[in-house]
Protein backbone atom coordinates (compact mmCIF):
# COMPACT_ATOMS: atom_id res chain seq x y z
CA MET A 1 0.09 0.06 -0.50
CA ARG A 2 1.70 3.68 -1.01
CA ARG A 3 1.54 5.99 1.83
CA GLU A 4 0.95 9.30 0.47
CA HIS A 5 3.08 12.07 2.79
CA ASN A 6 3.37 15.97 3.19
CA GLN A 7 5.75 18.67 4.36
CA SER A 8 2.67 20.24 6.11
CA LEU A 9 4.59 19.79 9.94
CA LEU A 10 7.71 20.72 9.04
CA ASP A 11 6.24 24.07 6.21
CA GLY A 12 4.73 25.74 10.16
CA LYS A 13 8.15 25.52 11.23
CA VAL A 14 9.84 27.71 8.72
CA ASN A 15 7.57 30.08 8.66
CA CYS A 16 7.66 30.34 12.23
CA PHE A 17 11.27 30.21 12.04
CA ARG A 18 10.69 33.34 9.42
CA ILE A 19 8.63 35.24 11.36
CA CYS A 20 10.87 35.72 14.09
CA ALA A 21 13.86 36.18 12.54
CA VAL A 22 12.26 39.02 9.30
CA GLY A 23 12.52 41.76 12.52
CA MET A 24 16.41 40.93 13.48
CA GLU A 25 19.01 43.24 11.58
CA ARG A 26 21.25 40.99 10.02
CA ILE A 27 20.71 38.12 7.80
CA ILE A 28 22.56 35.82 5.72
CA THR A 29 21.55 33.06 3.02
CA VAL A 30 22.65 29.54 3.28
CA ASP A 31 21.38 27.63 0.71
CA GLY A 32 18.28 29.39 0.03
CA GLN A 33 17.72 29.81 3.13
CA GLU A 34 17.43 33.27 5.26
CA ILE A 35 19.08 32.79 8.72
CA ALA A 36 19.59 35.42 10.92
CA TYR A 37 23.03 35.51 13.36
CA ASP A 38 24.18 38.33 15.86
CA ARG A 39 27.59 37.76 17.59
CA GLU A 40 28.83 34.67 15.46
CA GLU A 41 32.57 35.43 14.37
CA THR A 42 32.47 33.67 11.05
CA VAL A 43 29.91 31.77 9.17
CA LEU A 44 30.98 28.33 9.72
CA GLU A 45 29.26 29.11 13.58
CA ILE A 46 26.57 30.71 12.24
CA CYS A 47 25.95 27.03 10.47
CA GLU A 48 26.71 24.45 13.48
CA ASN A 49 24.45 26.83 15.80
CA ASN A 50 21.31 26.69 12.83
CA GLY A 51 22.37 23.29 12.02
CA ILE A 52 23.71 22.96 8.87
CA LYS A 53 26.73 21.09 8.71
CA ILE A 54 30.04 21.75 7.30
CA PRO A 55 32.95 19.16 7.73
CA HIS A 56 35.85 20.44 10.03
CA MET A 57 38.59 19.18 11.79
CA CYS A 58 40.98 22.26 12.59
CA PHE A 59 38.32 24.41 13.89
CA GLN A 60 36.84 24.92 17.98
CA LYS A 61 34.94 27.47 19.33
CA ASN A 62 36.85 29.91 20.98
CA PHE A 63 40.35 29.65 19.06
CA THR A 64 41.48 31.61 16.25
CA PRO A 65 40.71 29.30 13.04
CA SER A 66 43.87 29.12 10.79
CA GLY A 67 41.32 26.78 7.90
CA HIS A 68 44.51 24.15 7.93
CA CYS A 69 42.16 21.57 6.91
CA GLY A 70 40.24 22.82 3.97
CA LEU A 71 37.43 21.21 4.80
CA CYS A 72 34.78 23.51 5.72
CA VAL A 73 34.91 24.92 2.36
CA ILE A 74 31.81 26.00 0.75
CA GLU A 75 31.05 29.14 -1.70
CA LEU A 76 30.07 32.55 -2.11
CA SER A 77 28.13 34.04 -4.18
CA LYS A 78 28.77 37.47 -5.99
CA ASN A 79 26.54 37.61 -8.77
CA SER A 80 23.66 35.45 -9.50
CA ALA A 81 25.19 33.54 -12.13
CA GLU A 82 26.96 29.57 -12.02
CA SER A 83 30.63 31.33 -12.88
CA ASP A 84 30.80 33.90 -10.28
CA TRP A 85 30.84 31.32 -7.11
CA VAL A 86 33.51 31.57 -5.80
CA PRO A 87 34.84 28.80 -3.50
CA VAL A 88 35.99 30.16 0.61
CA LEU A 89 36.53 28.89 3.88
CA ALA A 90 34.01 28.91 6.46
CA CYS A 91 35.73 28.84 9.44
CA LEU A 92 37.45 32.09 8.08
CA LEU A 93 34.71 34.25 6.72
CA PRO A 94 33.17 36.85 8.83
CA PRO A 95 29.28 37.30 8.09
CA LYS A 96 28.10 40.38 6.29
CA GLU A 97 24.85 40.91 5.99
CA GLY A 98 23.36 39.96 2.48
CA MET A 99 25.77 37.36 2.02
CA VAL A 100 24.83 34.37 -0.38
CA LEU A 101 26.12 31.37 0.44
CA ARG A 102 25.70 27.55 -0.50
CA THR A 103 27.49 24.30 1.23
CA HIS A 104 26.98 22.17 -1.43
CA SER A 105 28.24 21.79 -5.33
CA LYS A 106 30.18 19.78 -7.17
CA VAL A 107 33.46 22.08 -6.40
CA ILE A 108 32.82 21.77 -3.07
CA ALA A 109 33.03 18.27 -3.13
CA ALA A 110 35.99 18.35 -4.84
CA VAL A 111 38.10 19.93 -2.76
CA ARG A 112 36.74 18.64 0.25
CA GLU A 113 37.66 15.20 -1.53
CA LEU A 114 40.91 16.44 -1.79
CA ALA A 115 41.56 17.90 1.51
CA GLY A 116 40.43 14.84 3.49
CA GLN A 117 42.71 12.63 1.64
CA LEU A 118 45.59 14.80 2.16
CA THR A 119 44.45 14.24 6.00
CA LEU A 120 44.56 11.08 5.50
CA ARG A 121 46.57 10.00 3.06
CA SER A 122 49.36 8.44 5.99
CA HIS A 123 46.44 7.31 8.63
CA PRO A 124 46.15 4.54 9.86
CA CYS A 125 43.02 2.17 9.55
CA ASP A 126 42.98 0.71 13.30
CA CYS A 127 39.22 2.20 14.24
CA ASP A 128 38.38 -1.65 15.70
CA PHE A 129 41.44 -1.06 18.21
CA CYS A 130 41.50 2.54 18.66
CA GLU A 131 40.71 3.65 21.94
CA LYS A 132 38.82 6.70 20.05
CA PHE A 133 36.88 4.20 18.00
CA GLY A 134 32.96 5.82 18.62
CA ASP A 135 34.33 9.65 19.87
CA CYS A 136 36.03 10.22 16.38
CA GLU A 137 35.40 12.92 14.08
CA LEU A 138 37.88 12.30 11.41
CA ARG A 139 36.29 9.14 11.25
CA LYS A 140 32.26 10.67 11.07
CA ILE A 141 33.89 13.55 8.12
CA TYR A 142 35.37 11.03 6.24
CA ASN A 143 32.32 8.59 6.64
CA ARG A 144 30.19 10.88 5.27
CA THR A 145 31.65 12.80 2.17
CA GLY A 146 32.72 9.41 0.75
CA PHE A 147 35.92 10.31 0.76
CA GLY A 148 37.82 7.63 2.38
CA PHE A 149 39.98 4.64 2.29
CA THR A 150 41.20 1.92 4.34
CA ARG A 151 44.74 1.16 4.96
CA ALA A 152 44.42 -2.77 4.19
CA ILE A 153 46.24 -2.59 1.04
CA GLU A 154 47.24 -6.65 0.28
CA ASP A 155 49.11 -6.02 -2.83
CA GLY A 156 50.27 -2.13 -2.44
CA LYS A 157 48.14 -1.65 -5.55
CA HIS A 158 44.54 -1.31 -4.41
CA GLN A 159 42.55 1.21 -1.99
CA LYS A 160 38.62 0.34 -0.87
CA PRO A 161 36.40 2.43 -0.39
CA ILE A 162 35.01 1.86 3.90
CA LEU A 163 31.56 2.36 2.48
CA SER A 164 29.76 3.28 -0.82
CA ARG A 165 27.04 6.97 -0.06
CA ILE A 166 23.31 5.63 -1.85
CA SER A 167 22.09 9.16 -1.11
CA GLU A 168 21.92 12.06 1.38
CA ARG A 169 21.70 10.09 4.35
CA PHE A 170 21.90 6.51 3.64
CA LEU A 171 25.25 5.14 3.12
CA LEU A 172 26.07 0.53 2.34
CA ASP A 173 28.58 -1.34 4.17
CA ARG A 174 29.05 -3.90 0.61
CA GLU A 175 30.83 -6.15 2.99
CA LYS A 176 27.86 -6.73 5.58
CA CYS A 177 25.59 -5.88 2.33
CA THR A 178 24.34 -10.07 1.70
CA ASN A 179 21.80 -8.88 -1.42
CA CYS A 180 18.89 -11.08 0.51
CA GLY A 181 15.95 -8.18 -1.16
CA LEU A 182 14.39 -6.77 2.53
CA CYS A 183 15.14 -3.65 2.16
CA VAL A 184 14.29 -3.42 -1.37
CA THR A 185 10.63 -5.38 -0.02
CA PHE A 186 10.43 -2.88 2.38
CA PHE A 187 10.48 0.28 -0.02
CA ARG A 188 8.13 -1.12 -2.42
CA GLU A 189 5.95 -3.28 -0.68
CA GLU A 190 5.57 -1.53 2.85
CA LEU A 191 5.87 2.44 1.39
CA GLY A 192 5.58 1.99 -2.26
CA GLU A 193 8.39 3.22 -3.05
CA TYR A 194 11.12 2.21 -6.15
CA PHE A 195 14.70 3.76 -4.10
CA LEU A 196 17.30 0.75 -4.36
CA HIS A 197 17.21 -1.98 -6.42
CA SER A 198 19.17 -5.43 -7.34
CA VAL A 199 21.78 -4.95 -9.92
CA LEU A 200 23.71 -7.93 -11.24
CA LYS A 201 26.73 -6.98 -13.06
CA PRO A 202 28.72 -7.80 -16.06
CA ASN A 203 30.66 -10.10 -13.32
CA GLY A 204 27.84 -12.17 -12.59
CA GLN A 205 27.14 -10.47 -8.62
CA ALA A 206 24.17 -9.03 -7.84
CA ARG A 207 24.68 -5.01 -6.52
CA LEU A 208 22.18 -3.19 -4.63
CA GLU A 209 21.75 -0.02 -6.06
CA LEU A 210 20.00 3.70 -6.03
CA TYR A 211 16.98 3.04 -8.07
CA PRO A 212 17.34 5.32 -11.30
CA GLY A 213 15.83 9.19 -10.63
CA ALA A 214 15.02 8.58 -6.95
CA SER A 215 16.36 10.31 -4.60
CA TYR A 216 15.99 10.44 -0.54
CA ARG A 217 13.20 12.67 0.78
CA PRO A 218 12.91 13.87 4.55
CA GLU A 219 9.09 14.08 4.55
CA GLY A 220 8.97 10.59 4.19
CA TYR A 221 9.99 6.49 6.35
CA LEU A 222 12.76 5.46 4.15
CA LEU A 223 15.27 5.12 7.16
CA ASN A 224 12.70 2.47 8.45
CA ALA A 225 15.57 0.93 6.11
CA ILE A 226 18.44 0.58 8.98
CA GLU A 227 15.85 -1.44 11.17
CA ILE A 228 14.75 -3.64 8.54
CA CYS A 229 18.82 -4.85 7.24
CA PRO A 230 19.28 -7.47 9.24
CA TYR A 231 22.97 -7.14 8.76
CA ASN A 232 23.54 -3.93 9.59
CA ALA A 233 24.80 -3.03 6.44
CA ILE A 234 22.20 0.46 5.05
CA VAL A 235 23.37 3.18 7.73
CA ASP A 236 22.46 6.40 8.82
CA ALA A 237 24.78 9.24 7.22
CA GLU A 238 24.13 10.75 10.61
CA SER A 239 24.97 8.07 12.94
CA LEU A 240 28.58 7.93 11.85
CA GLY A 241 31.21 8.41 14.08
CA LEU A 242 28.82 8.00 17.28
CA PRO A 243 28.77 4.80 19.63
CA PRO A 244 27.52 2.25 19.01
CA PRO A 245 23.93 1.53 20.90
CA TRP A 246 25.28 -1.38 23.44
CA GLN A 247 27.49 2.05 24.60
CA LEU A 248 24.75 3.83 25.62
CA ARG A 249 21.54 4.66 27.79
CA VAL A 250 18.68 3.95 26.20
CA VAL A 251 15.69 5.89 27.87
CA ASP A 252 11.84 5.12 26.09
CA GLY A 253 10.67 8.44 25.02
CA ILE A 254 7.61 8.84 22.58
CA SER A 255 7.42 11.66 19.23
CA THR A 256 6.06 15.07 19.30
CA GLU A 257 5.35 14.95 15.56
CA SER A 258 1.39 13.39 15.79
CA SER A 259 -0.83 12.33 18.17
CA ARG A 260 -0.65 8.48 17.22
CA GLY A 261 1.72 8.27 19.72
CA ASN A 262 4.58 7.28 17.79
CA ASN A 263 7.62 5.37 20.71
CA ILE A 264 10.90 5.98 20.10
CA LYS A 265 14.34 4.94 21.97
CA ILE A 266 16.14 7.72 23.04
CA PHE A 267 20.22 6.79 23.19
CA VAL A 268 22.01 8.89 25.57
CA GLN A 269 25.94 9.62 26.87
CA GLY A 270 25.84 11.57 29.39
CA ASP A 271 23.33 14.35 29.32
CA GLU A 272 23.72 14.46 25.92
CA ILE A 273 21.23 12.81 23.24
CA LEU A 274 23.19 11.09 20.50
CA TYR A 275 20.54 9.46 18.15
CA VAL A 276 16.89 8.85 18.34
CA LYS A 277 15.98 5.13 17.03
CA PRO A 278 11.52 3.16 16.50
CA ARG A 279 10.91 1.71 19.27
CA LYS A 280 8.52 -1.11 18.63
CA ASN A 281 5.04 -1.39 19.85
CA PRO A 282 2.27 -3.25 18.04
CA ASN A 283 0.07 -0.85 19.37
CA VAL A 284 1.51 2.11 17.06
CA ALA A 285 3.43 1.03 14.39
CA ASP A 286 7.12 -0.62 13.99
CA TYR A 287 8.37 2.63 12.29
CA ILE A 288 8.67 5.91 12.86
CA PRO A 289 8.57 9.36 9.79
CA ASP A 290 12.04 10.25 9.12
CA ARG A 291 11.93 13.59 10.67
CA VAL A 292 11.37 12.11 14.22
CA ARG A 293 14.49 10.81 13.91
CA ASP A 294 16.58 14.65 13.94
CA ILE A 295 13.22 15.61 17.00
CA PHE A 296 16.17 15.93 19.60
CA ARG A 297 18.59 18.24 18.06
CA ASN A 298 16.43 21.44 18.33
CA ASN A 299 16.36 20.09 21.76
CA GLY A 300 19.24 22.73 23.00
CA LYS A 301 18.70 25.51 20.29
CA ASN A 302 17.89 29.01 21.34
CA ARG A 303 16.54 27.54 25.11
CA SER A 304 14.54 29.60 27.68
CA ASP A 305 16.98 29.08 31.17
CA TYR A 306 16.22 31.68 33.62
CA PRO A 307 13.59 33.46 34.65
CA LEU A 308 13.09 36.65 33.24
CA LEU A 309 10.99 39.40 34.45
CA HIS A 310 10.41 42.41 31.99
CA GLY A 311 13.93 41.57 30.03
CA GLN A 312 15.62 40.96 32.89
CA LYS A 313 17.28 37.67 35.04
CA THR A 314 15.63 38.04 38.05
CA GLU A 315 15.42 36.01 41.08
CA ILE A 316 12.89 33.47 41.28
CA ARG A 317 11.08 34.88 44.58
CA GLU A 318 10.39 37.97 42.34
CA ILE A 319 9.32 36.49 40.04
CA ILE A 320 6.51 34.24 41.91
CA LEU A 321 5.42 38.33 43.60
CA PHE A 322 4.33 39.94 40.53
CA ILE A 323 2.89 37.06 38.78
CA LEU A 324 0.73 36.92 42.60
CA SER A 325 0.22 40.20 42.41
CA LYS A 326 -1.28 39.90 38.52
CA LEU A 327 -2.94 36.46 39.41
CA GLY A 328 -4.75 38.54 43.00
CA PHE A 329 -8.54 39.16 43.38
CA GLY A 330 -10.48 41.45 40.55
CA HIS A 331 -7.67 40.07 37.74
CA ARG A 332 -9.63 38.99 35.24
CA CYS A 333 -7.00 35.81 33.38
CA ALA A 334 -6.91 33.91 30.00
CA MET A 335 -5.18 31.07 29.19
CA ILE A 336 -3.27 29.91 25.89
CA CYS A 337 -1.79 26.45 26.23
CA SER A 338 -0.57 23.98 24.39
CA GLY A 339 -2.23 20.79 23.13
CA SER A 340 1.34 19.00 22.42
CA LEU A 341 1.12 19.75 27.07
CA SER A 342 2.04 15.86 29.14
CA LEU A 343 -1.24 15.01 31.43
CA GLU A 344 0.64 15.80 34.31
CA ASN A 345 1.14 19.68 33.04
CA MET A 346 -2.38 19.87 31.68
CA LEU A 347 -3.92 18.80 34.81
CA LEU A 348 -2.29 21.76 36.65
CA VAL A 349 -3.13 24.59 34.10
CA SER A 350 -6.44 22.79 34.57
CA GLN A 351 -6.66 23.24 37.94
CA LEU A 352 -4.55 26.80 38.03
CA ALA A 353 -7.43 27.85 35.65
CA ASP A 354 -10.53 27.26 37.88
CA LEU A 355 -9.00 28.78 40.49
CA LEU A 356 -8.66 31.80 38.66
CA GLY A 357 -12.01 32.02 37.01
CA ALA A 358 -9.88 31.56 34.13
CA LYS A 359 -11.04 30.20 30.31
CA ILE A 360 -8.56 27.76 28.59
CA PHE A 361 -7.49 28.03 24.91
CA VAL A 362 -5.38 25.70 22.72
CA LYS A 363 -4.78 26.02 18.91
CA ASN A 364 -5.94 23.97 16.57
CA ARG A 365 -3.38 21.74 14.61
CA ARG A 366 -4.80 20.17 12.07
CA ARG A 367 -2.72 19.04 8.65
CA GLU A 368 -3.08 16.40 5.95
CA ARG A 369 -2.27 13.32 7.15
CA ASP A 370 -0.55 10.51 5.23
CA GLY A 371 -1.96 8.22 6.49
CA TRP A 372 0.09 6.00 8.44
CA LEU A 373 1.81 8.01 11.51
CA ILE A 374 1.36 11.42 10.07
CA SER A 375 -2.20 12.36 12.08
CA ARG A 376 -4.46 15.03 11.04
CA ASP A 377 -4.33 16.55 14.43
CA GLY A 378 -0.76 18.18 14.71
CA ASN A 379 -1.02 18.66 18.81
CA THR A 380 0.35 15.36 20.33
CA ASN A 381 -2.18 15.12 23.73
CA ILE A 382 -5.32 16.59 22.62
CA ARG A 383 -7.07 13.67 24.26
CA GLY A 384 -5.72 14.87 27.00
CA ALA A 385 -6.68 18.22 26.94
CA LEU A 386 -9.90 16.55 26.93
CA VAL A 387 -9.51 14.44 29.88
CA THR A 388 -7.87 16.71 32.07
CA GLN A 389 -10.93 19.58 30.63
CA VAL A 390 -7.93 21.65 29.72
CA ILE A 391 -10.35 21.91 27.17
CA LYS A 392 -14.43 21.48 26.64
CA GLY A 393 -15.12 20.87 23.30
CA GLU A 394 -12.91 21.14 19.92
CA ALA A 395 -9.63 23.52 19.76
CA VAL A 396 -10.06 26.82 18.33
CA ASP A 397 -8.71 27.67 14.98
CA ASP A 398 -7.14 31.28 16.31
CA PHE A 399 -7.32 33.11 19.33
CA SER A 400 -9.95 36.12 17.69
CA GLU A 401 -11.62 35.44 20.73
CA VAL A 402 -8.92 36.20 23.40
CA GLU A 403 -7.99 39.36 21.31
CA GLN A 404 -11.67 40.31 21.99
CA MET A 405 -12.04 39.99 25.26
CA ILE A 406 -8.35 42.13 25.36
CA PHE A 407 -9.93 45.07 22.98
CA GLY A 408 -12.79 44.96 25.22
CA ARG A 409 -11.21 44.67 28.67
CA GLN A 410 -12.53 41.66 29.93
CA ILE A 411 -8.62 40.31 31.23
CA GLN A 412 -6.12 42.22 32.25
CA THR A 413 -3.58 39.04 32.50
CA LEU A 414 -2.98 36.72 29.71
CA ILE A 415 -0.95 33.31 30.86
CA VAL A 416 1.10 31.44 27.50
CA PHE A 417 1.93 27.83 27.88
CA ASP A 418 5.01 26.68 25.96
CA GLU A 419 2.94 28.66 22.69
CA ASP A 420 4.31 31.41 20.47
CA VAL A 421 1.10 32.92 19.77
CA LEU A 422 2.34 35.58 17.95
CA ALA A 423 4.25 33.57 15.54
CA LEU A 424 0.30 31.86 15.24
CA GLY A 425 -0.92 35.32 14.18
CA PHE A 426 -1.41 37.09 18.04
CA SER A 427 -2.05 40.95 18.11
CA LYS A 428 1.34 42.40 18.87
CA GLU A 429 -0.58 45.28 19.87
CA ASN A 430 -3.40 43.27 21.68
CA PHE A 431 -1.09 41.39 23.00
CA ALA A 432 1.19 44.36 24.65
CA LYS A 433 -2.62 45.91 26.29
CA VAL A 434 -2.32 43.13 29.10
CA ASP A 435 0.65 41.72 31.33
CA THR A 436 1.80 38.09 29.86
CA ILE A 437 2.96 35.21 31.87
CA THR A 438 4.55 32.64 29.59
CA PHE A 439 5.98 29.62 29.92
CA THR A 440 8.39 28.10 28.07
CA CYS A 441 11.02 25.99 26.36
CA HIS A 442 12.40 27.71 23.36
CA GLY A 443 12.84 31.39 23.26
CA ASN A 444 10.33 33.18 20.70
CA GLU A 445 8.55 36.70 19.89
CA THR A 446 6.54 35.37 22.63
CA ALA A 447 8.84 35.17 25.33
CA LYS A 448 10.79 38.80 24.25
CA ASN A 449 7.58 40.82 24.23
CA SER A 450 6.43 38.83 27.25
CA HIS A 451 6.45 40.32 31.47
CA VAL A 452 7.23 37.62 32.53
CA VAL A 453 9.55 34.29 31.33
CA LEU A 454 9.81 31.15 33.25
CA PRO A 455 11.50 28.43 31.74
CA ILE A 456 10.27 24.42 31.25
CA CYS A 457 11.71 21.94 30.17
CA SER A 458 11.77 19.97 27.20
CA ILE A 459 9.51 16.02 26.48
CA PHE A 460 12.96 14.91 26.57
CA GLU A 461 14.15 16.34 30.22
CA GLU A 462 10.70 15.47 32.61
CA HIS A 463 8.68 12.09 32.62
CA GLY A 464 5.69 11.74 32.22
CA HIS A 465 2.30 10.32 30.28
CA PHE A 466 0.34 11.23 26.53
CA ILE A 467 -2.72 10.05 25.25
CA SER A 468 -2.75 9.51 21.84
CA ASP A 469 -5.86 9.96 19.58
CA ASN A 470 -7.22 6.43 19.66
CA PHE A 471 -6.87 6.95 22.91
CA LEU A 472 -4.01 4.63 24.05
CA LEU A 473 -1.97 5.52 27.30
CA GLN A 474 1.74 5.92 27.09
CA ARG A 475 4.25 7.00 29.29
CA PHE A 476 7.55 9.06 28.47
CA HIS A 477 10.75 9.30 30.45
CA ARG A 478 13.23 11.40 30.99
CA ALA A 479 16.37 11.12 28.93
CA VAL A 480 18.97 14.07 29.61
CA THR A 481 18.97 17.18 32.43
CA ARG A 482 19.96 20.50 32.45
CA GLY A 483 21.79 22.74 34.56
CA THR A 484 19.62 25.50 34.19
CA GLU A 485 16.98 27.14 36.44
CA ALA A 486 14.33 24.83 33.52
CA LYS A 487 12.10 23.34 35.74
CA PRO A 488 9.11 21.18 34.70
CA LEU A 489 6.29 23.20 34.32
CA TRP A 490 3.63 21.04 36.58
CA ARG A 491 6.42 21.80 38.95
CA TRP A 492 5.92 25.73 38.25
CA LEU A 493 2.21 25.81 38.83
CA ALA A 494 1.87 23.90 41.78
CA MET A 495 4.71 26.09 43.98
CA ILE A 496 2.50 29.35 42.18
CA GLU A 497 -1.08 27.31 42.98
CA ASN A 498 0.27 26.88 46.51
CA ILE A 499 1.60 29.69 47.43
CA TYR A 500 -1.59 31.66 46.06
CA LEU A 501 -3.35 28.92 48.80
CA GLY A 502 -0.79 30.10 51.42
CA LYS A 503 0.12 26.48 52.03
CA SER A 504 3.16 25.35 53.68
CA THR A 505 6.68 25.96 52.69
CA ALA A 506 7.11 21.52 53.32
CA GLU A 507 3.97 21.84 51.59
CA ILE A 508 4.77 23.10 48.01
CA GLU A 509 8.67 21.11 48.81
CA SER A 510 6.15 17.67 49.15
CA GLN A 511 4.62 18.06 45.71
CA SER A 512 5.96 14.59 43.16
CA ILE A 513 4.90 13.90 39.83
CA GLU A 514 3.92 10.45 42.14
CA SER A 515 1.63 12.84 43.47
CA ILE A 516 -0.59 14.28 40.88
CA TRP A 517 -0.47 10.58 39.00
CA ASN A 518 -1.80 9.24 42.03
CA PHE A 519 -4.71 12.34 42.28
CA MET A 520 -5.49 11.53 38.59
CA GLU A 521 -5.73 7.45 38.97
CA LYS A 522 -8.97 8.68 42.07
CA SER A 523 -10.27 12.41 39.78
CA PHE A 524 -11.13 11.06 36.29
CA PRO A 525 -12.97 7.76 35.36
CA GLU A 526 -10.68 6.90 32.33
CA PHE A 527 -7.97 5.85 34.41
CA ARG A 528 -10.24 4.02 37.11
CA ASP A 529 -8.47 1.02 37.88
CA ILE A 530 -5.60 2.15 36.86
CA ARG A 531 -2.09 2.12 38.24
CA PHE A 532 0.37 4.55 36.38
CA ALA A 533 3.70 2.10 38.18
CA GLU A 534 1.97 -0.88 36.38
CA LEU A 535 1.22 1.24 33.18
CA PRO A 536 3.30 -1.34 30.68
CA PRO A 537 5.61 -0.30 27.49
CA VAL A 538 3.04 -0.42 24.77
CA GLY A 539 0.98 1.52 26.48
CA ILE A 540 -3.52 0.50 27.90
CA PHE A 541 -6.77 1.92 25.82
CA LEU A 542 -8.90 4.10 27.55
CA ASP A 543 -12.72 3.76 28.24
CA HIS A 544 -13.26 7.27 26.00
CA ASN A 545 -17.26 6.83 26.18
CA ARG A 546 -18.13 9.97 27.17
CA PHE A 547 -15.80 11.49 24.15
CA LYS A 548 -18.11 9.48 21.81
CA ASN A 549 -20.12 12.41 20.63
CA TYR A 550 -17.41 14.96 20.19
CA PRO A 551 -17.35 15.96 16.27
CA PHE A 552 -13.11 14.73 16.71
CA ILE A 553 -13.63 12.13 17.71
CA ALA A 554 -13.68 8.97 15.13
């Protein structure tokens, strides 16, 4: 059965980025993407900070760049003509407003290959015995760029490629490949894709090759062939040079890219996520969309790490006092909440809303589905919002009702939970008319224009539960921690609510996620007879009869 794919969510992220970047002063264009920069001193730093990979060996931040390795070559456009692209070293190139660059071309590939061969000409092939194996930058670079050769030369005349590049993300170890055909079958029968095929060579041997005209698309499911292959012959270029899974800590997680509840395994070294792979679950699928493998890459970018009051880093006590002054008696309040918060976070949002008499709005993120694991609902946990009564009907298509309430002076305080409402069309003029309190994981336009900003943990930094679009209750676990003042949202809300109610310090500190789980078990009929501590890794389906008449519940 052929799977239909789309890029609507990715496009939404790009549009959000562009909205945030438009108001900034200095912009360069790299591979057709406009990138705003601030304090970076070189183009290489800008690209690294924005997820654009440029190979390099001799560059290290905070050191004077030398350009010795020559691997970071890119091209600078003088004019629009093809002949006017000039090779330059990214580590030595200071950014300039309006600069147009590209990181891939035939010239760039040729220069990098020559530079790589010069680097490798005396490098021994002792990777299996080297103590740096698994953490070798050189191994990463020469495998990704395709110019690496072994030094295991029997007669002194022949060189053998380590890996063959099939496409942008696919590498093939031909020594390991047995031409079993499982990957070809997976592409054609499961995905309906003609991506790889087996070619009979003149010497009578079969050889796996890229299908004519085929190319890798990040919005598909092609990378699942890595797990399909029984011989580990298909390799993701992004994982080269990283430690193998058996050397890493593995944490069970859930993808936030879809309300289907796609299961993932997160591989962690220390407090760094190295890669993500699918986690088999018969209640969901054995696969994940390809873009889910890269969701962790934005976890550390542009983070909100410290409490801010009027844009200045401030002690938590002062910020809490300011918040309480804006939530006092007579202050009318409204809330805008992300539909991708965990159950625990949504419960505390709902309780605070009841305490303040505030109405909650959740943005609808409808999109085209692909018939498989990318659902029509772009919110990860909208069913959890129903169960915890964050919403009592369908999510809203826009925030016009909130803006009308502000215009009519019906509300004085707006609380935003992990949404960039200004990027979603909320009027900046109306936003400025009320006191704004924003809980956010990453910096954005809404946070920049808020009176108070409180940093919260990402999905990789806390425990919690989601309910998928077919009411499958699943748990995810904390993979990493951050050495900052960011906290899980529920902990901020519990602190504010308890102080608001005049509870003692001991009562505030005793609040735990276990107590939230226990409360939910007793308070909601969907969780009756379910013990959260005994929840199986594959999850459990909930009885959702009380929601069967909702128009968007299928």
